[in-house]
Amino acid sequence: RLAVMVGDSDVDIRTAKAAGIPVVAVSFGYSAVSVRNLGPDR
């Protein structure tokens, strides 16, 4: 309940959302699509 996830892909974002944990995505990673289209918190 006092944590943040940081990742670069839909896998990371889906994991965090399923866990109810806010997620920050990095734009310079290995995502096949723009992480901005995957709904991270930042």
Full PDB file with SEQRES, HELIX, SHEET, SSBOND, CRYST1, ORIGX, SCALE, CONECT and MASTER records, all heavy atoms in Angstrom:
SEQRES   1 A   42  ARG LEU ALA VAL MET VAL GLY ASP SER ASP VAL ASP ILE          
SEQRES   2 A   42  ARG THR ALA LYS ALA ALA GLY ILE PRO VAL VAL ALA VAL          
SEQRES   3 A   42  SER PHE GLY TYR SER ALA VAL SER VAL ARG ASN LEU GLY          
SEQRES   4 A   42  PRO ASP ARG                                                  
HELIX    1 AA1 ASP A   10  ALA A   19  1                                  10    
HELIX    2 AA2 VAL A   35  ASN A   37  5                                   3    
SHEET    1 AA1 2 MET A   5  GLY A   7  0                                        
SHEET    2 AA1 2 VAL A  23  ALA A  25  1                                        
CRYST1    1.000    1.000    1.000  90.00  90.00  90.00 P 1           1          
ORIGX1      1.000000  0.000000  0.000000        0.00000                         
ORIGX2      0.000000  1.000000  0.000000        0.00000                         
ORIGX3      0.000000  0.000000  1.000000        0.00000                         
SCALE1      1.000000  0.000000  0.000000        0.00000                         
SCALE2      0.000000  1.000000  0.000000        0.00000                         
SCALE3      0.000000  0.000000  1.000000        0.00000                         
ATOM      1  N   ARG A   1       0.823  -1.221   0.000  1.00  0.00           N  
ATOM      2  CA  ARG A   1       0.000   0.000   0.000  1.00  0.00           C  
ATOM      3  C   ARG A   1       0.852   1.265   0.000  1.00  0.00           C  
ATOM      4  O   ARG A   1       0.326   2.370  -0.151  1.00  0.00           O  
ATOM      5  CB  ARG A   1      -0.926   0.008   1.223  1.00  0.00           C  
ATOM      6  CG  ARG A   1      -1.951  -1.121   1.224  1.00  0.00           C  
ATOM      7  CD  ARG A   1      -2.658  -1.209   2.549  1.00  0.00           C  
ATOM      8  NE  ARG A   1      -1.723  -1.523   3.632  1.00  0.00           N  
ATOM      9  CZ  ARG A   1      -2.082  -1.668   4.907  1.00  0.00           C  
ATOM     10  NH1 ARG A   1      -3.354  -1.514   5.250  1.00  0.00           N  
ATOM     11  NH2 ARG A   1      -1.183  -1.957   5.829  1.00  0.00           N  
ATOM     12  N   LEU A   2       2.156   1.089   0.155  1.00  0.00           N  
ATOM     13  CA  LEU A   2       3.088   2.224   0.189  1.00  0.00           C  
ATOM     14  C   LEU A   2       4.261   1.914  -0.745  1.00  0.00           C  
ATOM     15  O   LEU A   2       5.412   1.857  -0.333  1.00  0.00           O  
ATOM     16  CB  LEU A   2       3.576   2.451   1.622  1.00  0.00           C  
ATOM     17  CG  LEU A   2       4.277   3.787   1.925  1.00  0.00           C  
ATOM     18  CD1 LEU A   2       3.316   4.949   1.727  1.00  0.00           C  
ATOM     19  CD2 LEU A   2       4.842   3.793   3.326  1.00  0.00           C  
ATOM     20  N   ALA A   3       3.914   1.675  -2.007  1.00  0.00           N  
ATOM     21  CA  ALA A   3       4.921   1.242  -2.973  1.00  0.00           C  
ATOM     22  C   ALA A   3       4.615   1.787  -4.360  1.00  0.00           C  
ATOM     23  O   ALA A   3       3.465   2.135  -4.666  1.00  0.00           O  
ATOM     24  CB  ALA A   3       4.984  -0.281  -3.013  1.00  0.00           C  
ATOM     25  N   VAL A   4       5.660   1.845  -5.177  1.00  0.00           N  
ATOM     26  CA  VAL A   4       5.551   2.274  -6.578  1.00  0.00           C  
ATOM     27  C   VAL A   4       6.335   1.286  -7.427  1.00  0.00           C  
ATOM     28  O   VAL A   4       7.434   0.861  -7.053  1.00  0.00           O  
ATOM     29  CB  VAL A   4       6.112   3.702  -6.772  1.00  0.00           C  
ATOM     30  CG1 VAL A   4       6.075   4.102  -8.252  1.00  0.00           C  
ATOM     31  CG2 VAL A   4       5.342   4.712  -5.927  1.00  0.00           C  
ATOM     32  N   MET A   5       5.766   0.937  -8.571  1.00  0.00           N  
ATOM     33  CA  MET A   5       6.441   0.080  -9.553  1.00  0.00           C  
ATOM     34  C   MET A   5       7.009   0.948 -10.660  1.00  0.00           C  
ATOM     35  O   MET A   5       6.413   1.953 -11.060  1.00  0.00           O  
ATOM     36  CB  MET A   5       5.444  -0.919 -10.144  1.00  0.00           C  
ATOM     37  CG  MET A   5       5.992  -1.781 -11.273  1.00  0.00           C  
ATOM     38  SD  MET A   5       7.231  -2.955 -10.681  1.00  0.00           S  
ATOM     39  CE  MET A   5       7.789  -3.685 -12.225  1.00  0.00           C  
ATOM     40  N   VAL A   6       8.179   0.566 -11.168  1.00  0.00           N  
ATOM     41  CA  VAL A   6       8.786   1.248 -12.310  1.00  0.00           C  
ATOM     42  C   VAL A   6       9.100   0.202 -13.369  1.00  0.00           C  
ATOM     43  O   VAL A   6       9.737  -0.818 -13.074  1.00  0.00           O  
ATOM     44  CB  VAL A   6      10.092   1.979 -11.919  1.00  0.00           C  
ATOM     45  CG1 VAL A   6      10.632   2.774 -13.109  1.00  0.00           C  
ATOM     46  CG2 VAL A   6       9.869   2.890 -10.731  1.00  0.00           C  
ATOM     47  N   GLY A   7       8.645   0.432 -14.600  1.00  0.00           N  
ATOM     48  CA  GLY A   7       8.887  -0.538 -15.666  1.00  0.00           C  
ATOM     49  C   GLY A   7       8.845   0.086 -17.032  1.00  0.00           C  
ATOM     50  O   GLY A   7       8.643   1.301 -17.166  1.00  0.00           O  
ATOM     51  N   ASP A   8       9.027  -0.765 -18.031  1.00  0.00           N  
ATOM     52  CA  ASP A   8       9.127  -0.248 -19.397  1.00  0.00           C  
ATOM     53  C   ASP A   8       8.145  -0.893 -20.362  1.00  0.00           C  
ATOM     54  O   ASP A   8       8.208  -0.621 -21.561  1.00  0.00           O  
ATOM     55  CB  ASP A   8      10.554  -0.458 -19.939  1.00  0.00           C  
ATOM     56  CG  ASP A   8      10.844  -1.926 -20.234  1.00  0.00           C  
ATOM     57  OD1 ASP A   8      10.630  -2.770 -19.329  1.00  0.00           O  
ATOM     58  OD2 ASP A   8      11.275  -2.233 -21.363  1.00  0.00           O  
ATOM     59  N   SER A   9       7.257  -1.756 -19.875  1.00  0.00           N  
ATOM     60  CA  SER A   9       6.433  -2.536 -20.807  1.00  0.00           C  
ATOM     61  C   SER A   9       5.018  -2.734 -20.307  1.00  0.00           C  
ATOM     62  O   SER A   9       4.687  -2.432 -19.153  1.00  0.00           O  
ATOM     63  CB  SER A   9       7.073  -3.915 -21.019  1.00  0.00           C  
ATOM     64  OG  SER A   9       6.929  -4.696 -19.836  1.00  0.00           O  
ATOM     65  N   ASP A  10       4.193  -3.288 -21.184  1.00  0.00           N  
ATOM     66  CA  ASP A  10       2.820  -3.605 -20.806  1.00  0.00           C  
ATOM     67  C   ASP A  10       2.793  -4.636 -19.687  1.00  0.00           C  
ATOM     68  O   ASP A  10       1.902  -4.630 -18.847  1.00  0.00           O  
ATOM     69  CB  ASP A  10       2.035  -4.112 -22.017  1.00  0.00           C  
ATOM     70  CG  ASP A  10       2.537  -5.463 -22.511  1.00  0.00           C  
ATOM     71  OD1 ASP A  10       3.768  -5.638 -22.645  1.00  0.00           O  
ATOM     72  OD2 ASP A  10       1.696  -6.345 -22.773  1.00  0.00           O  
ATOM     73  N   VAL A  11       3.792  -5.520 -19.653  1.00  0.00           N  
ATOM     74  CA  VAL A  11       3.863  -6.525 -18.595  1.00  0.00           C  
ATOM     75  C   VAL A  11       3.977  -5.847 -17.235  1.00  0.00           C  
ATOM     76  O   VAL A  11       3.259  -6.193 -16.287  1.00  0.00           O  
ATOM     77  CB  VAL A  11       5.058  -7.476 -18.823  1.00  0.00           C  
ATOM     78  CG1 VAL A  11       5.212  -8.433 -17.648  1.00  0.00           C  
ATOM     79  CG2 VAL A  11       4.883  -8.253 -20.114  1.00  0.00           C  
ATOM     80  N   ASP A  12       4.859  -4.877 -17.115  1.00  0.00           N  
ATOM     81  CA  ASP A  12       5.051  -4.165 -15.856  1.00  0.00           C  
ATOM     82  C   ASP A  12       3.812  -3.372 -15.476  1.00  0.00           C  
ATOM     83  O   ASP A  12       3.388  -3.366 -14.308  1.00  0.00           O  
ATOM     84  CB  ASP A  12       6.254  -3.223 -15.958  1.00  0.00           C  
ATOM     85  CG  ASP A  12       7.540  -3.953 -16.255  1.00  0.00           C  
ATOM     86  OD1 ASP A  12       7.813  -4.969 -15.591  1.00  0.00           O  
ATOM     87  OD2 ASP A  12       8.275  -3.521 -17.155  1.00  0.00           O  
ATOM     88  N   ILE A  13       3.225  -2.712 -16.439  1.00  0.00           N  
ATOM     89  CA  ILE A  13       2.056  -1.874 -16.169  1.00  0.00           C  
ATOM     90  C   ILE A  13       0.868  -2.729 -15.763  1.00  0.00           C  
ATOM     91  O   ILE A  13       0.161  -2.421 -14.794  1.00  0.00           O  
ATOM     92  CB  ILE A  13       1.744  -0.990 -17.387  1.00  0.00           C  
ATOM     93  CG1 ILE A  13       2.882   0.015 -17.605  1.00  0.00           C  
ATOM     94  CG2 ILE A  13       0.413  -0.263 -17.207  1.00  0.00           C  
ATOM     95  CD1 ILE A  13       2.839   0.742 -18.925  1.00  0.00           C  
ATOM     96  N   ARG A  14       0.643  -3.846 -16.469  1.00  0.00           N  
ATOM     97  CA  ARG A  14      -0.460  -4.741 -16.113  1.00  0.00           C  
ATOM     98  C   ARG A  14      -0.251  -5.359 -14.739  1.00  0.00           C  
ATOM     99  O   ARG A  14      -1.200  -5.540 -13.970  1.00  0.00           O  
ATOM    100  CB  ARG A  14      -0.622  -5.838 -17.173  1.00  0.00           C  
ATOM    101  CG  ARG A  14      -1.245  -5.335 -18.468  1.00  0.00           C  
ATOM    102  CD  ARG A  14      -1.623  -6.470 -19.392  1.00  0.00           C  
ATOM    103  NE  ARG A  14      -0.471  -7.115 -19.998  1.00  0.00           N  
ATOM    104  CZ  ARG A  14      -0.196  -8.400 -19.908  1.00  0.00           C  
ATOM    105  NH1 ARG A  14      -0.974  -9.204 -19.198  1.00  0.00           N  
ATOM    106  NH2 ARG A  14       0.861  -8.905 -20.510  1.00  0.00           N  
ATOM    107  N   THR A  15       0.986  -5.696 -14.427  1.00  0.00           N  
ATOM    108  CA  THR A  15       1.293  -6.277 -13.123  1.00  0.00           C  
ATOM    109  C   THR A  15       0.958  -5.298 -12.009  1.00  0.00           C  
ATOM    110  O   THR A  15       0.302  -5.652 -11.018  1.00  0.00           O  
ATOM    111  CB  THR A  15       2.785  -6.650 -13.042  1.00  0.00           C  
ATOM    112  OG1 THR A  15       3.103  -7.574 -14.082  1.00  0.00           O  
ATOM    113  CG2 THR A  15       3.105  -7.286 -11.699  1.00  0.00           C  
ATOM    114  N   ALA A  16       1.424  -4.072 -12.148  1.00  0.00           N  
ATOM    115  CA  ALA A  16       1.183  -3.058 -11.125  1.00  0.00           C  
ATOM    116  C   ALA A  16      -0.304  -2.773 -10.965  1.00  0.00           C  
ATOM    117  O   ALA A  16      -0.812  -2.672  -9.834  1.00  0.00           O  
ATOM    118  CB  ALA A  16       1.940  -1.780 -11.477  1.00  0.00           C  
ATOM    119  N   LYS A  17      -1.016  -2.647 -12.070  1.00  0.00           N  
ATOM    120  CA  LYS A  17      -2.443  -2.364 -11.986  1.00  0.00           C  
ATOM    121  C   LYS A  17      -3.188  -3.508 -11.316  1.00  0.00           C  
ATOM    122  O   LYS A  17      -4.093  -3.279 -10.497  1.00  0.00           O  
ATOM    123  CB  LYS A  17      -2.998  -2.100 -13.387  1.00  0.00           C  
ATOM    124  CG  LYS A  17      -2.553  -0.767 -13.969  1.00  0.00           C  
ATOM    125  CD  LYS A  17      -3.267  -0.448 -15.256  1.00  0.00           C  
ATOM    126  CE  LYS A  17      -2.944   0.964 -15.712  1.00  0.00           C  
ATOM    127  NZ  LYS A  17      -3.780   1.392 -16.838  1.00  0.00           N  
ATOM    128  N   ALA A  18      -2.811  -4.735 -11.642  1.00  0.00           N  
ATOM    129  CA  ALA A  18      -3.462  -5.890 -11.021  1.00  0.00           C  
ATOM    130  C   ALA A  18      -3.194  -5.940  -9.527  1.00  0.00           C  
ATOM    131  O   ALA A  18      -4.019  -6.442  -8.747  1.00  0.00           O  
ATOM    132  CB  ALA A  18      -2.985  -7.177 -11.682  1.00  0.00           C  
ATOM    133  N   ALA A  19      -2.031  -5.418  -9.115  1.00  0.00           N  
ATOM    134  CA  ALA A  19      -1.665  -5.395  -7.693  1.00  0.00           C  
ATOM    135  C   ALA A  19      -2.204  -4.163  -6.972  1.00  0.00           C  
ATOM    136  O   ALA A  19      -2.065  -4.059  -5.753  1.00  0.00           O  
ATOM    137  CB  ALA A  19      -0.147  -5.451  -7.552  1.00  0.00           C  
ATOM    138  N   GLY A  20      -2.785  -3.236  -7.717  1.00  0.00           N  
ATOM    139  CA  GLY A  20      -3.283  -2.011  -7.115  1.00  0.00           C  
ATOM    140  C   GLY A  20      -2.180  -1.063  -6.685  1.00  0.00           C  
ATOM    141  O   GLY A  20      -2.341  -0.299  -5.725  1.00  0.00           O  
ATOM    142  N   ILE A  21      -1.073  -1.101  -7.414  1.00  0.00           N  
ATOM    143  CA  ILE A  21       0.109  -0.304  -7.075  1.00  0.00           C  
ATOM    144  C   ILE A  21       0.379   0.693  -8.201  1.00  0.00           C  
ATOM    145  O   ILE A  21       0.368   0.315  -9.382  1.00  0.00           O  
ATOM    146  CB  ILE A  21       1.325  -1.231  -6.867  1.00  0.00           C  
ATOM    147  CG1 ILE A  21       1.112  -2.080  -5.605  1.00  0.00           C  
ATOM    148  CG2 ILE A  21       2.634  -0.444  -6.777  1.00  0.00           C  
ATOM    149  CD1 ILE A  21       2.108  -3.190  -5.431  1.00  0.00           C  
ATOM    150  N   PRO A  22       0.600   1.973  -7.887  1.00  0.00           N  
ATOM    151  CA  PRO A  22       0.876   2.952  -8.943  1.00  0.00           C  
ATOM    152  C   PRO A  22       2.154   2.600  -9.704  1.00  0.00           C  
ATOM    153  O   PRO A  22       3.092   2.029  -9.130  1.00  0.00           O  
ATOM    154  CB  PRO A  22       1.010   4.278  -8.192  1.00  0.00           C  
ATOM    155  CG  PRO A  22       1.314   3.900  -6.773  1.00  0.00           C  
ATOM    156  CD  PRO A  22       0.628   2.591  -6.540  1.00  0.00           C  
ATOM    157  N   VAL A  23       2.177   2.979 -10.977  1.00  0.00           N  
ATOM    158  CA  VAL A  23       3.296   2.582 -11.827  1.00  0.00           C  
ATOM    159  C   VAL A  23       3.807   3.758 -12.641  1.00  0.00           C  
ATOM    160  O   VAL A  23       3.029   4.514 -13.233  1.00  0.00           O  
ATOM    161  CB  VAL A  23       2.898   1.407 -12.753  1.00  0.00           C  
ATOM    162  CG1 VAL A  23       1.683   1.735 -13.602  1.00  0.00           C  
ATOM    163  CG2 VAL A  23       4.067   0.967 -13.618  1.00  0.00           C  
ATOM    164  N   VAL A  24       5.127   3.899 -12.643  1.00  0.00           N  
ATOM    165  CA  VAL A  24       5.817   4.883 -13.480  1.00  0.00           C  
ATOM    166  C   VAL A  24       6.489   4.118 -14.611  1.00  0.00           C  
ATOM    167  O   VAL A  24       7.213   3.147 -14.367  1.00  0.00           O  
ATOM    168  CB  VAL A  24       6.873   5.668 -12.680  1.00  0.00           C  
ATOM    169  CG1 VAL A  24       7.647   6.615 -13.602  1.00  0.00           C  
ATOM    170  CG2 VAL A  24       6.221   6.444 -11.541  1.00  0.00           C  
ATOM    171  N   ALA A  25       6.242   4.537 -15.836  1.00  0.00           N  
ATOM    172  CA  ALA A  25       6.849   3.880 -16.991  1.00  0.00           C  
ATOM    173  C   ALA A  25       7.981   4.725 -17.552  1.00  0.00           C  
ATOM    174  O   ALA A  25       7.889   5.958 -17.578  1.00  0.00           O  
ATOM    175  CB  ALA A  25       5.801   3.639 -18.079  1.00  0.00           C  
ATOM    176  N   VAL A  26       9.041   4.057 -17.987  1.00  0.00           N  
ATOM    177  CA  VAL A  26      10.142   4.752 -18.656  1.00  0.00           C  
ATOM    178  C   VAL A  26       9.915   4.663 -20.158  1.00  0.00           C  
ATOM    179  O   VAL A  26       9.495   3.631 -20.680  1.00  0.00           O  
ATOM    180  CB  VAL A  26      11.509   4.149 -18.263  1.00  0.00           C  
ATOM    181  CG1 VAL A  26      11.723   4.239 -16.764  1.00  0.00           C  
ATOM    182  CG2 VAL A  26      11.642   2.702 -18.724  1.00  0.00           C  
ATOM    183  N   SER A  27      10.191   5.747 -20.846  1.00  0.00           N  
ATOM    184  CA  SER A  27       9.919   5.804 -22.285  1.00  0.00           C  
ATOM    185  C   SER A  27      11.039   5.210 -23.129  1.00  0.00           C  
ATOM    186  O   SER A  27      10.878   5.015 -24.329  1.00  0.00           O  
ATOM    187  CB  SER A  27       9.699   7.260 -22.711  1.00  0.00           C  
ATOM    188  OG  SER A  27      10.890   8.024 -22.522  1.00  0.00           O  
ATOM    189  N   PHE A  28      12.197   4.924 -22.493  1.00  0.00           N  
ATOM    190  CA  PHE A  28      13.387   4.515 -23.246  1.00  0.00           C  
ATOM    191  C   PHE A  28      13.628   3.006 -23.226  1.00  0.00           C  
ATOM    192  O   PHE A  28      14.687   2.539 -23.614  1.00  0.00           O  
ATOM    193  CB  PHE A  28      14.615   5.233 -22.677  1.00  0.00           C  
ATOM    194  CG  PHE A  28      14.689   5.235 -21.175  1.00  0.00           C  
ATOM    195  CD1 PHE A  28      15.110   4.113 -20.473  1.00  0.00           C  
ATOM    196  CD2 PHE A  28      14.303   6.364 -20.454  1.00  0.00           C  
ATOM    197  CE1 PHE A  28      15.163   4.113 -19.086  1.00  0.00           C  
ATOM    198  CE2 PHE A  28      14.357   6.375 -19.061  1.00  0.00           C  
ATOM    199  CZ  PHE A  28      14.788   5.238 -18.381  1.00  0.00           C  
ATOM    200  N   GLY A  29      12.648   2.234 -22.779  1.00  0.00           N  
ATOM    201  CA  GLY A  29      12.833   0.792 -22.668  1.00  0.00           C  
ATOM    202  C   GLY A  29      12.474   0.023 -23.921  1.00  0.00           C  
ATOM    203  O   GLY A  29      12.624   0.532 -25.034  1.00  0.00           O  
ATOM    204  N   TYR A  30      11.950  -1.189 -23.726  1.00  0.00           N  
ATOM    205  CA  TYR A  30      11.801  -2.132 -24.832  1.00  0.00           C  
ATOM    206  C   TYR A  30      10.359  -2.397 -25.235  1.00  0.00           C  
ATOM    207  O   TYR A  30      10.046  -3.433 -25.830  1.00  0.00           O  
ATOM    208  CB  TYR A  30      12.462  -3.464 -24.460  1.00  0.00           C  
ATOM    209  CG  TYR A  30      13.918  -3.354 -24.077  1.00  0.00           C  
ATOM    210  CD1 TYR A  30      14.504  -4.282 -23.229  1.00  0.00           C  
ATOM    211  CD2 TYR A  30      14.730  -2.320 -24.559  1.00  0.00           C  
ATOM    212  CE1 TYR A  30      15.835  -4.200 -22.869  1.00  0.00           C  
ATOM    213  CE2 TYR A  30      16.053  -2.221 -24.203  1.00  0.00           C  
ATOM    214  CZ  TYR A  30      16.608  -3.158 -23.350  1.00  0.00           C  
ATOM    215  OH  TYR A  30      17.929  -3.075 -22.991  1.00  0.00           O  
ATOM    216  N   SER A  31       9.460  -1.492 -24.904  1.00  0.00           N  
ATOM    217  CA  SER A  31       8.061  -1.695 -25.254  1.00  0.00           C  
ATOM    218  C   SER A  31       7.861  -1.651 -26.767  1.00  0.00           C  
ATOM    219  O   SER A  31       8.449  -0.823 -27.464  1.00  0.00           O  
ATOM    220  CB  SER A  31       7.194  -0.611 -24.604  1.00  0.00           C  
ATOM    221  OG  SER A  31       5.843  -0.764 -24.976  1.00  0.00           O  
ATOM    222  N   ALA A  32       6.990  -2.546 -27.253  1.00  0.00           N  
ATOM    223  CA  ALA A  32       6.701  -2.589 -28.687  1.00  0.00           C  
ATOM    224  C   ALA A  32       5.842  -1.402 -29.118  1.00  0.00           C  
ATOM    225  O   ALA A  32       5.808  -1.058 -30.300  1.00  0.00           O  
ATOM    226  CB  ALA A  32       5.994  -3.898 -29.036  1.00  0.00           C  
ATOM    227  N   VAL A  33       5.152  -0.794 -28.168  1.00  0.00           N  
ATOM    228  CA  VAL A  33       4.339   0.394 -28.442  1.00  0.00           C  
ATOM    229  C   VAL A  33       4.721   1.460 -27.428  1.00  0.00           C  
ATOM    230  O   VAL A  33       5.354   1.180 -26.415  1.00  0.00           O  
ATOM    231  CB  VAL A  33       2.830   0.088 -28.355  1.00  0.00           C  
ATOM    232  CG1 VAL A  33       2.434  -0.971 -29.375  1.00  0.00           C  
ATOM    233  CG2 VAL A  33       2.452  -0.362 -26.948  1.00  0.00           C  
ATOM    234  N   SER A  34       4.307   2.679 -27.675  1.00  0.00           N  
ATOM    235  CA  SER A  34       4.598   3.757 -26.739  1.00  0.00           C  
ATOM    236  C   SER A  34       3.960   3.452 -25.385  1.00  0.00           C  
ATOM    237  O   SER A  34       2.757   3.150 -25.307  1.00  0.00           O  
ATOM    238  CB  SER A  34       4.063   5.089 -27.267  1.00  0.00           C  
ATOM    239  OG  SER A  34       4.158   6.094 -26.270  1.00  0.00           O  
ATOM    240  N   VAL A  35       4.757   3.538 -24.326  1.00  0.00           N  
ATOM    241  CA  VAL A  35       4.205   3.266 -23.001  1.00  0.00           C  
ATOM    242  C   VAL A  35       3.135   4.282 -22.624  1.00  0.00           C  
ATOM    243  O   VAL A  35       2.287   4.004 -21.762  1.00  0.00           O  
ATOM    244  CB  VAL A  35       5.307   3.237 -21.912  1.00  0.00           C  
ATOM    245  CG1 VAL A  35       6.186   2.021 -22.068  1.00  0.00           C  
ATOM    246  CG2 VAL A  35       6.123   4.532 -21.917  1.00  0.00           C  
ATOM    247  N   ARG A  36       3.127   5.418 -23.269  1.00  0.00           N  
ATOM    248  CA  ARG A  36       2.104   6.431 -22.990  1.00  0.00           C  
ATOM    249  C   ARG A  36       0.716   5.940 -23.377  1.00  0.00           C  
ATOM    250  O   ARG A  36      -0.291   6.464 -22.883  1.00  0.00           O  
ATOM    251  CB  ARG A  36       2.440   7.730 -23.722  1.00  0.00           C  
ATOM    252  CG  ARG A  36       3.641   8.461 -23.130  1.00  0.00           C  
ATOM    253  CD  ARG A  36       3.976   9.754 -23.854  1.00  0.00           C  
ATOM    254  NE  ARG A  36       4.929  10.554 -23.088  1.00  0.00           N  
ATOM    255  CZ  ARG A  36       6.239  10.373 -23.110  1.00  0.00           C  
ATOM    256  NH1 ARG A  36       6.759   9.408 -23.873  1.00  0.00           N  
ATOM    257  NH2 ARG A  36       7.028  11.131 -22.368  1.00  0.00           N  
ATOM    258  N   ASN A  37       0.653   4.946 -24.258  1.00  0.00           N  
ATOM    259  CA  ASN A  37      -0.630   4.382 -24.676  1.00  0.00           C  
ATOM    260  C   ASN A  37      -1.082   3.225 -23.797  1.00  0.00           C  
ATOM    261  O   ASN A  37      -2.135   2.635 -24.048  1.00  0.00           O  
ATOM    262  CB  ASN A  37      -0.537   3.893 -26.125  1.00  0.00           C  
ATOM    263  CG  ASN A  37      -0.256   5.012 -27.107  1.00  0.00           C  
ATOM    264  OD1 ASN A  37      -0.649   6.158 -26.878  1.00  0.00           O  
ATOM    265  ND2 ASN A  37       0.423   4.695 -28.198  1.00  0.00           N  
ATOM    266  N   LEU A  38      -0.287   2.887 -22.783  1.00  0.00           N  
ATOM    267  CA  LEU A  38      -0.578   1.715 -21.956  1.00  0.00           C  
ATOM    268  C   LEU A  38      -1.154   2.064 -20.592  1.00  0.00           C  
ATOM    269  O   LEU A  38      -1.417   1.169 -19.789  1.00  0.00           O  
ATOM    270  CB  LEU A  38       0.695   0.870 -21.789  1.00  0.00           C  
ATOM    271  CG  LEU A  38       1.305   0.340 -23.091  1.00  0.00           C  
ATOM    272  CD1 LEU A  38       2.624  -0.383 -22.800  1.00  0.00           C  
ATOM    273  CD2 LEU A  38       0.326  -0.594 -23.802  1.00  0.00           C  
ATOM    274  N   GLY A  39      -1.352   3.352 -20.331  1.00  0.00           N  
ATOM    275  CA  GLY A  39      -2.039   3.772 -19.130  1.00  0.00           C  
ATOM    276  C   GLY A  39      -1.273   3.775 -17.830  1.00  0.00           C  
ATOM    277  O   GLY A  39      -1.866   3.556 -16.767  1.00  0.00           O  
ATOM    278  N   PRO A  40       0.044   4.038 -17.834  1.00  0.00           N  
ATOM    279  CA  PRO A  40       0.748   4.163 -16.552  1.00  0.00           C  
ATOM    280  C   PRO A  40       0.328   5.448 -15.842  1.00  0.00           C  
ATOM    281  O   PRO A  40      -0.281   6.331 -16.447  1.00  0.00           O  
ATOM    282  CB  PRO A  40       2.218   4.224 -16.966  1.00  0.00           C  
ATOM    283  CG  PRO A  40       2.184   4.879 -18.316  1.00  0.00           C  
ATOM    284  CD  PRO A  40       0.936   4.349 -18.975  1.00  0.00           C  
ATOM    285  N   ASP A  41       0.671   5.541 -14.568  1.00  0.00           N  
ATOM    286  CA  ASP A  41       0.329   6.757 -13.827  1.00  0.00           C  
ATOM    287  C   ASP A  41       1.205   7.939 -14.225  1.00  0.00           C  
ATOM    288  O   ASP A  41       0.758   9.091 -14.174  1.00  0.00           O  
ATOM    289  CB  ASP A  41       0.464   6.484 -12.321  1.00  0.00           C  
ATOM    290  CG  ASP A  41      -0.543   5.458 -11.843  1.00  0.00           C  
ATOM    291  OD1 ASP A  41      -1.717   5.811 -11.675  1.00  0.00           O  
ATOM    292  OD2 ASP A  41      -0.154   4.291 -11.681  1.00  0.00           O  
ATOM    293  N   ARG A  42       2.448   7.655 -14.581  1.00  0.00           N  
ATOM    294  CA  ARG A  42       3.375   8.674 -15.060  1.00  0.00           C  
ATOM    295  C   ARG A  42       4.315   8.037 -16.074  1.00  0.00           C  
ATOM    296  O   ARG A  42       4.548   6.831 -16.048  1.00  0.00           O  
ATOM    297  CB  ARG A  42       4.237   9.258 -13.925  1.00  0.00           C  
ATOM    298  CG  ARG A  42       3.502  10.106 -12.911  1.00  0.00           C  
ATOM    299  CD  ARG A  42       3.148  11.492 -13.458  1.00  0.00           C  
ATOM    300  NE  ARG A  42       2.729  12.393 -12.388  1.00  0.00           N  
ATOM    301  CZ  ARG A  42       1.533  12.357 -11.798  1.00  0.00           C  
ATOM    302  NH1 ARG A  42       0.654  11.441 -12.158  1.00  0.00           N  
ATOM    303  NH2 ARG A  42       1.227  13.239 -10.844  1.00  0.00           N  
TER     304      ARG A  42                                                      
MASTER        0    0    0    2    2    0    0    6  303    1    0    4          
END                                                                             
